[in-house]
C-alpha atoms as a PDB file:
ATOM      1  CA  UNK A   1      22.851   4.292  19.988  1.00  0.00           C
ATOM      2  CA  UNK A   2      19.682   5.886  21.332  1.00  0.00           C
ATOM      3  CA  UNK A   3      16.601   3.796  22.010  1.00  0.00           C
ATOM      4  CA  UNK A   4      14.566   5.558  19.326  1.00  0.00           C
ATOM      5  CA  UNK A   5      17.292   5.070  16.686  1.00  0.00           C
ATOM      6  CA  UNK A   6      17.587   1.407  17.634  1.00  0.00           C
ATOM      7  CA  UNK A   7      13.848   0.788  17.192  1.00  0.00           C
ATOM      8  CA  UNK A   8      13.857   2.664  13.873  1.00  0.00           C
ATOM      9  CA  UNK A   9      16.754   0.517  12.587  1.00  0.00           C
ATOM     10  CA  UNK A  10      15.039  -2.707  13.632  1.00  0.00           C
ATOM     11  CA  UNK A  11      11.817  -1.646  11.918  1.00  0.00           C
ATOM     12  CA  UNK A  12      13.522  -0.766   8.636  1.00  0.00           C
ATOM     13  CA  UNK A  13      15.560  -3.987   8.520  1.00  0.00           C
ATOM     14  CA  UNK A  14      12.488  -6.124   9.309  1.00  0.00           C
ATOM     15  CA  UNK A  15      10.492  -4.421   6.544  1.00  0.00           C
ATOM     16  CA  UNK A  16      13.316  -4.932   4.030  1.00  0.00           C
ATOM     17  CA  UNK A  17      13.623  -8.614   4.984  1.00  0.00           C
ATOM     18  CA  UNK A  18       9.886  -9.200   4.622  1.00  0.00           C
ATOM     19  CA  UNK A  19       9.851  -7.446   1.250  1.00  0.00           C
ATOM     20  CA  UNK A  20      12.776  -9.504  -0.013  1.00  0.00           C
ATOM     21  CA  UNK A  21      11.129 -12.751   1.049  1.00  0.00           C
ATOM     22  CA  UNK A  22       7.841 -11.858  -0.605  1.00  0.00           C
ATOM     23  CA  UNK A  23       9.296 -11.003  -4.025  1.00  0.00           C
ATOM     24  CA  UNK A  24       9.069 -13.582  -6.781  1.00  0.00           C
ATOM     25  CA  UNK A  25      12.622 -15.063  -7.302  1.00  0.00           C
ATOM     26  CA  UNK A  26      12.387 -14.323 -11.041  1.00  0.00           C
ATOM     27  CA  UNK A  27      12.431 -10.601 -10.310  1.00  0.00           C
ATOM     28  CA  UNK A  28      15.739 -10.621  -8.455  1.00  0.00           C
ATOM     29  CA  UNK A  29      17.523 -13.693  -9.860  1.00  0.00           C
ATOM     30  CA  UNK A  30      16.959 -14.366 -13.578  1.00  0.00           C
ATOM     31  CA  UNK A  31      18.900 -17.650 -13.333  1.00  0.00           C
ATOM     32  CA  UNK A  32      16.217 -19.205 -11.106  1.00  0.00           C
ATOM     33  CA  UNK A  33      13.448 -20.663 -13.282  1.00  0.00           C
ATOM     34  CA  UNK A  34       9.791 -20.435 -12.347  1.00  0.00           C
ATOM     35  CA  UNK A  35       8.478 -23.864 -11.379  1.00  0.00           C
ATOM     36  CA  UNK A  36       4.964 -24.829 -10.353  1.00  0.00           C
ATOM     37  CA  UNK A  37       4.359 -28.105  -8.539  1.00  0.00           C
ATOM     38  CA  UNK A  38       0.904 -29.645  -8.823  1.00  0.00           C
ATOM     39  CA  UNK A  39      -0.446 -32.610  -6.854  1.00  0.00           C
ATOM     40  CA  UNK A  40      -1.559 -35.794  -8.562  1.00  0.00           C
ATOM     41  CA  UNK A  41      -4.983 -35.650 -10.203  1.00  0.00           C
ATOM     42  CA  UNK A  42      -5.017 -39.457 -10.168  1.00  0.00           C
ATOM     43  CA  UNK A  43      -2.439 -40.661  -7.658  1.00  0.00           C
ATOM     44  CA  UNK A  44      -0.742 -44.019  -8.457  1.00  0.00           C
ATOM     45  CA  UNK A  45      -1.390 -46.614  -5.800  1.00  0.00           C
ATOM     46  CA  UNK A  46       2.315 -47.347  -5.267  1.00  0.00           C
ATOM     47  CA  UNK A  47       3.190 -43.680  -4.627  1.00  0.00           C
ATOM     48  CA  UNK A  48       2.938 -42.204  -1.143  1.00  0.00           C
ATOM     49  CA  UNK A  49       3.534 -38.428  -0.916  1.00  0.00           C
ATOM     50  CA  UNK A  50       6.651 -37.714   1.124  1.00  0.00           C
ATOM     51  CA  UNK A  51       7.864 -41.327   1.024  1.00  0.00           C
ATOM     52  CA  UNK A  52      10.917 -41.955  -1.179  1.00  0.00           C
ATOM     53  CA  UNK A  53      11.466 -44.898  -3.493  1.00  0.00           C
ATOM     54  CA  UNK A  54      14.965 -46.115  -4.383  1.00  0.00           C
ATOM     55  CA  UNK A  55      16.047 -47.568  -7.733  1.00  0.00           C
ATOM     56  CA  UNK A  56      19.382 -49.183  -8.566  1.00  0.00           C
ATOM     57  CA  UNK A  57      20.697 -47.988 -11.915  1.00  0.00           C
ATOM     58  CA  UNK A  58      23.911 -47.094 -13.720  1.00  0.00           C
ATOM     59  CA  UNK A  59      25.658 -43.755 -14.168  1.00  0.00           C
ATOM     60  CA  UNK A  60      26.083 -42.683 -17.799  1.00  0.00           C
ATOM     61  CA  UNK A  61      28.187 -39.541 -17.350  1.00  0.00           C
ATOM     62  CA  UNK A  62      31.317 -41.337 -18.570  1.00  0.00           C
ATOM     63  CA  UNK A  63      32.388 -44.752 -19.842  1.00  0.00           C
ATOM     64  CA  UNK A  64      33.154 -46.086 -16.336  1.00  0.00           C
ATOM     65  CA  UNK A  65      29.534 -47.074 -15.637  1.00  0.00           C
ATOM     66  CA  UNK A  66      29.430 -46.750 -11.839  1.00  0.00           C
ATOM     67  CA  UNK A  67      26.529 -48.168  -9.863  1.00  0.00           C
ATOM     68  CA  UNK A  68      23.997 -45.591  -8.712  1.00  0.00           C
ATOM     69  CA  UNK A  69      20.995 -45.550  -6.383  1.00  0.00           C
ATOM     70  CA  UNK A  70      18.402 -42.959  -7.405  1.00  0.00           C
ATOM     71  CA  UNK A  71      16.101 -41.533  -4.766  1.00  0.00           C
ATOM     72  CA  UNK A  72      12.657 -40.731  -6.222  1.00  0.00           C
ATOM     73  CA  UNK A  73       9.799 -38.790  -4.658  1.00  0.00           C
ATOM     74  CA  UNK A  74       6.444 -38.350  -6.386  1.00  0.00           C
ATOM     75  CA  UNK A  75       7.917 -39.496  -9.682  1.00  0.00           C
ATOM     76  CA  UNK A  76      10.891 -37.105  -9.612  1.00  0.00           C
ATOM     77  CA  UNK A  77      14.538 -37.994  -9.034  1.00  0.00           C
ATOM     78  CA  UNK A  78      15.754 -35.847  -6.126  1.00  0.00           C
ATOM     79  CA  UNK A  79      19.176 -37.396  -5.313  1.00  0.00           C
ATOM     80  CA  UNK A  80      21.807 -39.705  -6.741  1.00  0.00           C
ATOM     81  CA  UNK A  81      24.256 -41.680  -4.618  1.00  0.00           C
ATOM     82  CA  UNK A  82      26.758 -44.453  -5.236  1.00  0.00           C
ATOM     83  CA  UNK A  83      25.610 -48.048  -4.843  1.00  0.00           C
ATOM     84  CA  UNK A  84      27.360 -49.727  -1.899  1.00  0.00           C
ATOM     85  CA  UNK A  85      26.943 -53.132  -3.544  1.00  0.00           C
ATOM     86  CA  UNK A  86      28.519 -52.196  -6.872  1.00  0.00           C
ATOM     87  CA  UNK A  87      32.031 -53.711  -7.262  1.00  0.00           C
ATOM     88  CA  UNK A  88      33.462 -50.728  -9.148  1.00  0.00           C
ATOM     89  CA  UNK A  89      32.683 -47.589  -7.137  1.00  0.00           C
ATOM     90  CA  UNK A  90      31.616 -49.293  -3.852  1.00  0.00           C
ATOM     91  CA  UNK A  91      29.183 -46.570  -2.847  1.00  0.00           C
ATOM     92  CA  UNK A  92      31.222 -43.584  -4.025  1.00  0.00           C
ATOM     93  CA  UNK A  93      30.152 -41.224  -6.782  1.00  0.00           C
ATOM     94  CA  UNK A  94      32.222 -38.463  -8.389  1.00  0.00           C
ATOM     95  CA  UNK A  95      31.053 -34.918  -9.060  1.00  0.00           C
ATOM     96  CA  UNK A  96      30.086 -35.792 -12.646  1.00  0.00           C
ATOM     97  CA  UNK A  97      27.822 -38.540 -11.378  1.00  0.00           C
ATOM     98  CA  UNK A  98      26.287 -36.278  -8.746  1.00  0.00           C
ATOM     99  CA  UNK A  99      25.505 -33.695 -11.420  1.00  0.00           C
ATOM    100  CA  UNK A 100      23.746 -36.222 -13.672  1.00  0.00           C
ATOM    101  CA  UNK A 101      20.442 -35.157 -12.137  1.00  0.00           C
ATOM    102  CA  UNK A 102      20.819 -31.867 -14.029  1.00  0.00           C
ATOM    103  CA  UNK A 103      20.404 -33.749 -17.324  1.00  0.00           C
ATOM    104  CA  UNK A 104      16.724 -34.047 -16.436  1.00  0.00           C
ATOM    105  CA  UNK A 105      15.995 -30.948 -14.377  1.00  0.00           C
ATOM    106  CA  UNK A 106      18.524 -28.217 -15.236  1.00  0.00           C
ATOM    107  CA  UNK A 107      16.996 -24.972 -16.459  1.00  0.00           C
ATOM    108  CA  UNK A 108      19.739 -24.781 -19.124  1.00  0.00           C
ATOM    109  CA  UNK A 109      19.159 -28.230 -20.638  1.00  0.00           C
ATOM    110  CA  UNK A 110      17.923 -28.729 -24.208  1.00  0.00           C
ATOM    111  CA  UNK A 111      14.189 -29.341 -24.026  1.00  0.00           C
ATOM    112  CA  UNK A 112      13.706 -30.025 -27.723  1.00  0.00           C
ATOM    113  CA  UNK A 113      15.348 -29.908 -31.162  1.00  0.00           C
ATOM    114  CA  UNK A 114      17.053 -26.716 -32.334  1.00  0.00           C
ATOM    115  CA  UNK A 115      17.900 -25.521 -35.837  1.00  0.00           C
ATOM    116  CA  UNK A 116      20.044 -22.440 -36.205  1.00  0.00           C
ATOM    117  CA  UNK A 117      19.527 -21.732 -32.518  1.00  0.00           C
ATOM    118  CA  UNK A 118      15.729 -21.656 -32.870  1.00  0.00           C
ATOM    119  CA  UNK A 119      13.263 -24.258 -31.604  1.00  0.00           C
ATOM    120  CA  UNK A 120      11.617 -26.455 -34.222  1.00  0.00           C
ATOM    121  CA  UNK A 121       9.003 -29.206 -34.143  1.00  0.00           C
ATOM    122  CA  UNK A 122      10.028 -32.844 -33.908  1.00  0.00           C
ATOM    123  CA  UNK A 123       7.929 -33.774 -36.953  1.00  0.00           C
ATOM    124  CA  UNK A 124       9.834 -31.404 -39.246  1.00  0.00           C
ATOM    125  CA  UNK A 125      13.187 -32.574 -37.847  1.00  0.00           C
ATOM    126  CA  UNK A 126      12.376 -36.255 -38.403  1.00  0.00           C
ATOM    127  CA  UNK A 127      11.183 -35.589 -41.944  1.00  0.00           C
ATOM    128  CA  UNK A 128      14.177 -33.485 -42.925  1.00  0.00           C
ATOM    129  CA  UNK A 129      16.654 -35.867 -41.284  1.00  0.00           C
ATOM    130  CA  UNK A 130      15.094 -38.887 -42.958  1.00  0.00           C
ATOM    131  CA  UNK A 131      15.301 -37.287 -46.403  1.00  0.00           C
ATOM    132  CA  UNK A 132      18.932 -36.327 -45.810  1.00  0.00           C
ATOM    133  CA  UNK A 133      19.890 -39.871 -44.730  1.00  0.00           C
ATOM    134  CA  UNK A 134      18.172 -41.415 -47.754  1.00  0.00           C
ATOM    135  CA  UNK A 135      19.799 -39.042 -50.221  1.00  0.00           C
ATOM    136  CA  UNK A 136      23.252 -39.607 -48.678  1.00  0.00           C
ATOM    137  CA  UNK A 137      23.078 -43.361 -48.125  1.00  0.00           C
ATOM    138  CA  UNK A 138      26.444 -44.828 -47.186  1.00  0.00           C
ATOM    139  CA  UNK A 139      27.929 -41.399 -46.431  1.00  0.00           C
ATOM    140  CA  UNK A 140      26.356 -40.711 -43.011  1.00  0.00           C
ATOM    141  CA  UNK A 141      28.142 -41.197 -39.686  1.00  0.00           C
ATOM    142  CA  UNK A 142      26.334 -41.578 -36.345  1.00  0.00           C
ATOM    143  CA  UNK A 143      28.351 -39.861 -33.600  1.00  0.00           C
ATOM    144  CA  UNK A 144      27.334 -40.036 -29.957  1.00  0.00           C
ATOM    145  CA  UNK A 145      28.240 -41.005 -26.433  1.00  0.00           C
ATOM    146  CA  UNK A 146      28.884 -44.618 -25.491  1.00  0.00           C
ATOM    147  CA  UNK A 147      25.786 -46.799 -25.249  1.00  0.00           C
ATOM    148  CA  UNK A 148      25.306 -50.238 -23.741  1.00  0.00           C
ATOM    149  CA  UNK A 149      22.839 -53.100 -23.872  1.00  0.00           C
ATOM    150  CA  UNK A 150      19.445 -52.087 -25.308  1.00  0.00           C
ATOM    151  CA  UNK A 151      20.515 -48.525 -26.178  1.00  0.00           C
ATOM    152  CA  UNK A 152      23.498 -49.762 -28.188  1.00  0.00           C
ATOM    153  CA  UNK A 153      21.343 -52.360 -29.937  1.00  0.00           C
ATOM    154  CA  UNK A 154      18.902 -49.651 -31.078  1.00  0.00           C
ATOM    155  CA  UNK A 155      21.756 -47.498 -32.421  1.00  0.00           C
ATOM    156  CA  UNK A 156      23.346 -50.421 -34.261  1.00  0.00           C
ATOM    157  CA  UNK A 157      20.021 -51.513 -35.798  1.00  0.00           C
ATOM    158  CA  UNK A 158      19.237 -47.973 -36.925  1.00  0.00           C
ATOM    159  CA  UNK A 159      22.705 -47.605 -38.456  1.00  0.00           C
ATOM    160  CA  UNK A 160      22.508 -50.962 -40.231  1.00  0.00           C
ATOM    161  CA  UNK A 161      19.125 -50.245 -41.825  1.00  0.00           C
ATOM    162  CA  UNK A 162      20.289 -46.825 -43.051  1.00  0.00           C
ATOM    163  CA  UNK A 163      23.801 -47.949 -44.139  1.00  0.00           C
ATOM    164  CA  UNK A 164      25.515 -45.744 -41.564  1.00  0.00           C
ATOM    165  CA  UNK A 165      28.769 -46.094 -39.668  1.00  0.00           C
ATOM    166  CA  UNK A 166      28.767 -45.691 -35.895  1.00  0.00           C
ATOM    167  CA  UNK A 167      31.392 -43.869 -33.847  1.00  0.00           C
ATOM    168  CA  UNK A 168      31.040 -43.666 -30.069  1.00  0.00           C
ATOM    169  CA  UNK A 169      32.751 -40.653 -28.515  1.00  0.00           C
ATOM    170  CA  UNK A 170      33.013 -39.530 -24.906  1.00  0.00           C
ATOM    171  CA  UNK A 171      33.737 -35.879 -23.930  1.00  0.00           C
ATOM    172  CA  UNK A 172      35.626 -37.072 -20.829  1.00  0.00           C
ATOM    173  CA  UNK A 173      36.834 -40.252 -22.504  1.00  0.00           C
ATOM    174  CA  UNK A 174      40.201 -41.982 -22.255  1.00  0.00           C
ATOM    175  CA  UNK A 175      41.363 -41.651 -25.857  1.00  0.00           C
ATOM    176  CA  UNK A 176      44.761 -40.266 -24.832  1.00  0.00           C
ATOM    177  CA  UNK A 177      45.355 -43.148 -22.419  1.00  0.00           C
ATOM    178  CA  UNK A 178      44.281 -45.712 -25.022  1.00  0.00           C
ATOM    179  CA  UNK A 179      46.706 -44.203 -27.536  1.00  0.00           C
ATOM    180  CA  UNK A 180      49.531 -44.200 -24.972  1.00  0.00           C
ATOM    181  CA  UNK A 181      49.058 -47.871 -24.019  1.00  0.00           C
ATOM    182  CA  UNK A 182      48.987 -48.764 -27.708  1.00  0.00           C
ATOM    183  CA  UNK A 183      52.370 -47.087 -28.250  1.00  0.00           C
ATOM    184  CA  UNK A 184      53.997 -48.456 -25.088  1.00  0.00           C
ATOM    185  CA  UNK A 185      52.545 -51.974 -24.807  1.00  0.00           C
ATOM    186  CA  UNK A 186      51.333 -52.621 -28.346  1.00  0.00           C
ATOM    187  CA  UNK A 187      47.754 -53.220 -27.176  1.00  0.00           C
ATOM    188  CA  UNK A 188      44.766 -50.941 -26.712  1.00  0.00           C
ATOM    189  CA  UNK A 189      43.400 -51.193 -23.194  1.00  0.00           C
ATOM    190  CA  UNK A 190      42.932 -49.089 -20.084  1.00  0.00           C
ATOM    191  CA  UNK A 191      45.307 -49.858 -17.209  1.00  0.00           C
ATOM    192  CA  UNK A 192      43.961 -50.377 -13.703  1.00  0.00           C
ATOM    193  CA  UNK A 193      45.909 -48.803 -10.853  1.00  0.00           C
ATOM    194  CA  UNK A 194      45.821 -50.744  -7.578  1.00  0.00           C
ATOM    195  CA  UNK A 195      46.706 -48.029  -5.078  1.00  0.00           C
ATOM    196  CA  UNK A 196      45.160 -49.607  -1.969  1.00  0.00           C
ATOM    197  CA  UNK A 197      48.463 -50.926  -0.562  1.00  0.00           C
ATOM    198  CA  UNK A 198      50.823 -48.408  -2.180  1.00  0.00           C
ATOM    199  CA  UNK A 199      53.391 -46.801   0.109  1.00  0.00           C
ATOM    200  CA  UNK A 200      54.637 -44.159  -2.355  1.00  0.00           C
ATOM    201  CA  UNK A 201      52.665 -42.769  -5.308  1.00  0.00           C
ATOM    202  CA  UNK A 202      54.559 -40.697  -7.902  1.00  0.00           C
ATOM    203  CA  UNK A 203      52.583 -39.057 -10.698  1.00  0.00           C
ATOM    204  CA  UNK A 204      54.064 -37.317 -13.742  1.00  0.00           C
ATOM    205  CA  UNK A 205      51.373 -34.921 -14.919  1.00  0.00           C
ATOM    206  CA  UNK A 206      48.407 -37.277 -14.434  1.00  0.00           C
ATOM    207  CA  UNK A 207      45.443 -35.871 -12.538  1.00  0.00           C
ATOM    208  CA  UNK A 208      44.318 -39.286 -11.268  1.00  0.00           C
ATOM    209  CA  UNK A 209      42.081 -37.736  -8.607  1.00  0.00           C
ATOM    210  CA  UNK A 210      40.375 -35.631 -11.295  1.00  0.00           C
ATOM    211  CA  UNK A 211      38.856 -36.508 -14.653  1.00  0.00           C
ATOM    212  CA  UNK A 212      41.829 -38.719 -15.612  1.00  0.00           C
ATOM    213  CA  UNK A 213      41.134 -41.193 -12.830  1.00  0.00           C
ATOM    214  CA  UNK A 214      38.160 -43.462 -12.243  1.00  0.00           C
ATOM    215  CA  UNK A 215      36.219 -43.759  -9.002  1.00  0.00           C
ATOM    216  CA  UNK A 216      38.052 -47.055  -8.483  1.00  0.00           C
ATOM    217  CA  UNK A 217      41.366 -45.152  -8.548  1.00  0.00           C
ATOM    218  CA  UNK A 218      39.981 -42.554  -6.148  1.00  0.00           C
ATOM    219  CA  UNK A 219      38.925 -45.276  -3.710  1.00  0.00           C
ATOM    220  CA  UNK A 220      42.343 -46.923  -3.905  1.00  0.00           C
ATOM    221  CA  UNK A 221      44.127 -43.657  -3.131  1.00  0.00           C
ATOM    222  CA  UNK A 222      41.789 -42.943  -0.220  1.00  0.00           C
ATOM    223  CA  UNK A 223      42.405 -46.423   1.209  1.00  0.00           C
ATOM    224  CA  UNK A 224      46.172 -45.980   0.905  1.00  0.00           C
ATOM    225  CA  UNK A 225      45.909 -42.793   2.962  1.00  0.00           C
ATOM    226  CA  UNK A 226      43.867 -44.432   5.718  1.00  0.00           C
ATOM    227  CA  UNK A 227      45.742 -45.225   8.973  1.00  0.00           C
ATOM    228  CA  UNK A 228      43.640 -48.399   9.230  1.00  0.00           C
ATOM    229  CA  UNK A 229      45.869 -49.991   6.575  1.00  0.00           C
ATOM    230  CA  UNK A 230      48.944 -49.658   8.769  1.00  0.00           C
ATOM    231  CA  UNK A 231      50.935 -47.513   6.324  1.00  0.00           C
ATOM    232  CA  UNK A 232      49.843 -44.054   5.140  1.00  0.00           C
ATOM    233  CA  UNK A 233      51.094 -43.542   1.591  1.00  0.00           C
ATOM    234  CA  UNK A 234      53.193 -40.572   0.506  1.00  0.00           C
ATOM    235  CA  UNK A 235      52.094 -38.917  -2.727  1.00  0.00           C
ATOM    236  CA  UNK A 236      54.288 -36.890  -5.074  1.00  0.00           C
ATOM    237  CA  UNK A 237      53.204 -35.061  -8.212  1.00  0.00           C
ATOM    238  CA  UNK A 238      55.246 -33.504 -10.995  1.00  0.00           C
ATOM    239  CA  UNK A 239      53.519 -31.246 -13.502  1.00  0.00           C
ATOM    240  CA  UNK A 240      52.846 -27.722 -14.765  1.00  0.00           C
ATOM    241  CA  UNK A 241      49.482 -27.119 -13.101  1.00  0.00           C
ATOM    242  CA  UNK A 242      47.559 -27.513  -9.872  1.00  0.00           C
ATOM    243  CA  UNK A 243      44.597 -29.847 -10.206  1.00  0.00           C
ATOM    244  CA  UNK A 244      42.616 -32.010  -7.822  1.00  0.00           C
ATOM    245  CA  UNK A 245      45.524 -34.431  -7.438  1.00  0.00           C
ATOM    246  CA  UNK A 246      48.182 -31.771  -6.907  1.00  0.00           C
ATOM    247  CA  UNK A 247      46.000 -30.012  -4.328  1.00  0.00           C
ATOM    248  CA  UNK A 248      45.901 -33.207  -2.223  1.00  0.00           C
ATOM    249  CA  UNK A 249      49.506 -34.312  -2.614  1.00  0.00           C
ATOM    250  CA  UNK A 250      52.268 -34.247  -0.004  1.00  0.00           C
ATOM    251  CA  UNK A 251      54.821 -32.748  -2.382  1.00  0.00           C
ATOM    252  CA  UNK A 252      54.351 -31.052  -5.758  1.00  0.00           C
ATOM    253  CA  UNK A 253      57.190 -30.180  -8.122  1.00  0.00           C
ATOM    254  CA  UNK A 254      56.254 -27.625 -10.743  1.00  0.00           C
ATOM    255  CA  UNK A 255      57.781 -27.980 -14.197  1.00  0.00           C
ATOM    256  CA  UNK A 256      57.246 -26.602 -17.670  1.00  0.00           C
ATOM    257  CA  UNK A 257      54.822 -28.337 -20.009  1.00  0.00           C
ATOM    258  CA  UNK A 258      56.538 -31.180 -21.868  1.00  0.00           C
ATOM    259  CA  UNK A 259      59.496 -31.536 -19.525  1.00  0.00           C
ATOM    260  CA  UNK A 260      57.996 -34.295 -17.351  1.00  0.00           C
ATOM    261  CA  UNK A 261      59.888 -36.989 -19.274  1.00  0.00           C
ATOM    262  CA  UNK A 262      63.227 -35.248 -18.599  1.00  0.00           C
ATOM    263  CA  UNK A 263      62.532 -35.238 -14.867  1.00  0.00           C
ATOM    264  CA  UNK A 264      61.476 -38.897 -15.077  1.00  0.00           C
END
């Protein structure tokens, strides 16, 4: 390459880079929302700009209820991590827990009530909902995610006053496991898998390192694979698909859906 061509190339690329950096992100990426950060007009005495505060709380992404430490700066949660002192997750936090911050700050979250896909005012929603509950007393069912402590008390009080039944439902819940234990053992409960000292782990179609396993199960599997325990476990999986568990196993045997019991 000649010297003149080299200088021309450098000049063009530098101009293009500067232009790209100066363009508003909304013009080249519609998925990036426009956000404007303003300083405090009246700054709280306990808040120091740039200095984080940490709050111990509980994850509500599923019914496990792992311990979480939220890192807050200038009144905004910026990071979630597992609580090292919590007996269940012992400092670990799954991907669902890490993504809980999006419930507050995601550009795609619901920011208010919708009716027919269109935004409506809270006052009209409360009025219409109240009239509907009164006219259908005893025939209304409250459906929502699991609540605990004060949140559950509010739901139960509201349902009692309005003669409503309450049904807690979890999108990533363990209804299938509860039904299975009921059929096999005659009781409805969730089994706990102690994998810490396991030498061989054999799974028939259960993605225990994915959504079907708790953080406690994940920790147990990780401990069983650690050379510090003296014995590194061998893991086998049998199933029709490749999930998080199958991707980390020593040996996977593929089978057709519904044939796991025959192989067992």
